[in-house]
Amino acid sequence: MKTLLKNLFFLVILTSFLGLSHSCKNNDPSVIKIYVRSASNQLVGDAQVIIVGDVNSNPTTNPYVDTLISNSSGFAQFNMAPYYDAAEKDQTVAYFDVFVKSDTKIAEGYIRSRKHTTAVESIFLPL
């Protein structure tokens, strides 16, 4: 009986430890979502969206470039997990220049990304 209680106590402690260590990890995705809008505020699909890491920012952002085409809903969604996986552990913020091109129209913007969050920005194309 004494051995059974010891084993049960050990099992409860082990289960609690494993549960707590797994629950401390943040599994939220790191995403940048760029909405492309016309001058009349309409969402624009098939626009080229480029994000470029701002290496002159404070804190410093690592060099990074990614390009996507906005979908039929008018946004491009960048998965930033590869960027944060390659960055140092304590780097949880990054800054990016945003360039959008649709037909002959070009627009620029700026966005701040945080690890495990979704950053959203709208870029308006000129007339």
Protein backbone atom coordinates (compact mmCIF):
# COMPACT_ATOMS: atom_id res chain seq x y z
CA MET A 1 0.00 0.00 0.00
CA LYS A 2 2.83 2.39 0.86
CA THR A 3 4.59 1.68 -2.45
CA LEU A 4 1.35 2.24 -4.35
CA LEU A 5 0.89 5.66 -2.73
CA LYS A 6 4.51 6.61 -3.51
CA ASN A 7 4.07 5.60 -7.15
CA LEU A 8 0.75 7.45 -7.40
CA PHE A 9 2.28 10.58 -5.83
CA PHE A 10 5.24 10.41 -8.25
CA LEU A 11 2.87 9.97 -11.21
CA VAL A 12 0.77 13.00 -10.16
CA ILE A 13 3.90 15.17 -9.77
CA LEU A 14 5.30 14.04 -13.14
CA THR A 15 2.00 14.68 -14.93
CA SER A 16 1.71 18.14 -13.36
CA PHE A 17 5.27 19.03 -14.37
CA LEU A 18 4.75 17.90 -17.98
CA GLY A 19 1.46 19.79 -18.22
CA LEU A 20 2.95 23.01 -16.87
CA SER A 21 6.07 22.88 -19.06
CA HIS A 22 3.96 22.39 -22.20
CA SER A 23 1.50 25.16 -21.31
CA CYS A 24 4.27 27.76 -20.98
CA LYS A 25 5.12 27.66 -24.69
CA ASN A 26 3.50 30.30 -26.87
CA ASN A 27 2.24 28.66 -30.06
CA ASP A 28 0.54 31.73 -31.55
CA PRO A 29 1.67 32.41 -35.13
CA SER A 30 3.77 35.40 -36.14
CA VAL A 31 1.99 36.98 -39.11
CA ILE A 32 2.04 40.21 -41.12
CA LYS A 33 -1.19 40.89 -43.00
CA ILE A 34 -1.14 43.67 -45.61
CA TYR A 35 -4.42 44.91 -47.07
CA VAL A 36 -4.08 46.58 -50.48
CA ARG A 37 -6.69 49.26 -51.14
CA SER A 38 -7.41 51.56 -54.05
CA ALA A 39 -7.73 55.32 -53.62
CA SER A 40 -11.50 54.75 -53.34
CA ASN A 41 -10.92 52.29 -50.46
CA GLN A 42 -11.73 49.15 -52.50
CA LEU A 43 -9.68 46.02 -51.78
CA VAL A 44 -7.30 45.18 -54.65
CA GLY A 45 -6.38 41.62 -55.59
CA ASP A 46 -3.38 40.49 -57.65
CA ALA A 47 -1.11 43.25 -56.34
CA GLN A 48 2.55 42.49 -55.66
CA VAL A 49 3.40 43.06 -51.98
CA ILE A 50 7.03 43.14 -50.82
CA ILE A 51 8.27 43.43 -47.24
CA VAL A 52 11.87 44.42 -46.54
CA GLY A 53 13.49 44.35 -43.10
CA ASP A 54 14.47 47.86 -41.95
CA VAL A 55 18.10 47.27 -40.92
CA ASN A 56 18.35 50.90 -39.70
CA SER A 57 15.53 50.52 -37.17
CA ASN A 58 15.98 50.64 -33.42
CA PRO A 59 16.00 47.85 -32.29
CA THR A 60 17.77 46.50 -35.34
CA THR A 61 15.82 44.29 -37.73
CA ASN A 62 17.72 41.50 -39.48
CA PRO A 63 17.91 41.63 -43.29
CA TYR A 64 14.78 40.00 -44.70
CA VAL A 65 12.82 40.19 -47.96
CA ASP A 66 9.63 38.39 -48.91
CA THR A 67 7.18 38.86 -51.79
CA LEU A 68 3.56 37.74 -52.16
CA ILE A 69 0.61 38.52 -54.41
CA SER A 70 -2.54 39.79 -52.71
CA ASN A 71 -5.41 37.32 -52.91
CA SER A 72 -8.92 37.91 -54.24
CA SER A 73 -9.88 39.31 -50.83
CA GLY A 74 -7.25 42.04 -51.23
CA PHE A 75 -4.63 41.00 -48.69
CA ALA A 76 -1.26 39.29 -48.54
CA GLN A 77 -0.43 37.26 -45.43
CA PHE A 78 3.24 36.73 -44.56
CA ASN A 79 4.24 33.94 -42.18
CA MET A 80 7.01 35.46 -40.05
CA ALA A 81 7.98 32.25 -38.22
CA PRO A 82 11.10 31.72 -40.41
CA TYR A 83 12.26 35.27 -39.58
CA TYR A 84 11.82 34.88 -35.82
CA ASP A 85 13.26 31.35 -35.84
CA ALA A 86 16.46 32.70 -37.43
CA ALA A 87 16.60 35.77 -35.14
CA GLU A 88 18.13 35.86 -31.68
CA LYS A 89 15.91 34.60 -28.83
CA ASP A 90 15.45 38.06 -27.29
CA GLN A 91 14.45 39.68 -30.60
CA THR A 92 10.68 39.90 -30.40
CA VAL A 93 10.06 43.02 -32.52
CA ALA A 94 10.93 43.76 -36.14
CA TYR A 95 10.24 46.65 -38.52
CA PHE A 96 9.55 46.31 -42.23
CA ASP A 97 9.19 48.63 -45.21
CA VAL A 98 6.24 47.62 -47.38
CA PHE A 99 6.11 48.15 -51.15
CA VAL A 100 2.99 47.49 -53.20
CA LYS A 101 2.69 47.45 -56.98
CA SER A 102 -0.52 47.01 -58.93
CA ASP A 103 -0.45 47.65 -62.67
CA THR A 104 1.41 50.99 -62.94
CA LYS A 105 0.57 52.16 -59.41
CA ILE A 106 3.14 51.94 -56.61
CA ALA A 107 2.64 52.61 -52.90
CA GLU A 108 4.81 52.34 -49.80
CA GLY A 109 4.20 51.78 -46.13
CA TYR A 110 5.79 50.66 -42.87
CA ILE A 111 4.82 48.02 -40.32
CA ARG A 112 6.01 46.75 -36.95
CA SER A 113 5.82 43.01 -36.33
CA ARG A 114 5.89 41.30 -32.95
CA LYS A 115 6.64 37.67 -32.28
CA HIS A 116 3.49 35.53 -31.76
CA THR A 117 1.10 38.27 -32.95
CA THR A 118 -0.62 39.33 -36.15
CA ALA A 119 0.35 42.78 -37.41
CA VAL A 120 -2.12 44.39 -39.84
CA GLU A 121 -1.61 47.37 -42.14
CA SER A 122 -3.53 48.85 -45.07
CA ILE A 123 -1.60 50.31 -48.00
CA PHE A 124 -3.50 52.70 -50.28
CA LEU A 125 -2.64 52.89 -53.97
CA PRO A 126 -2.63 56.39 -55.53
CA LEU A 127 -5.15 57.50 -58.15
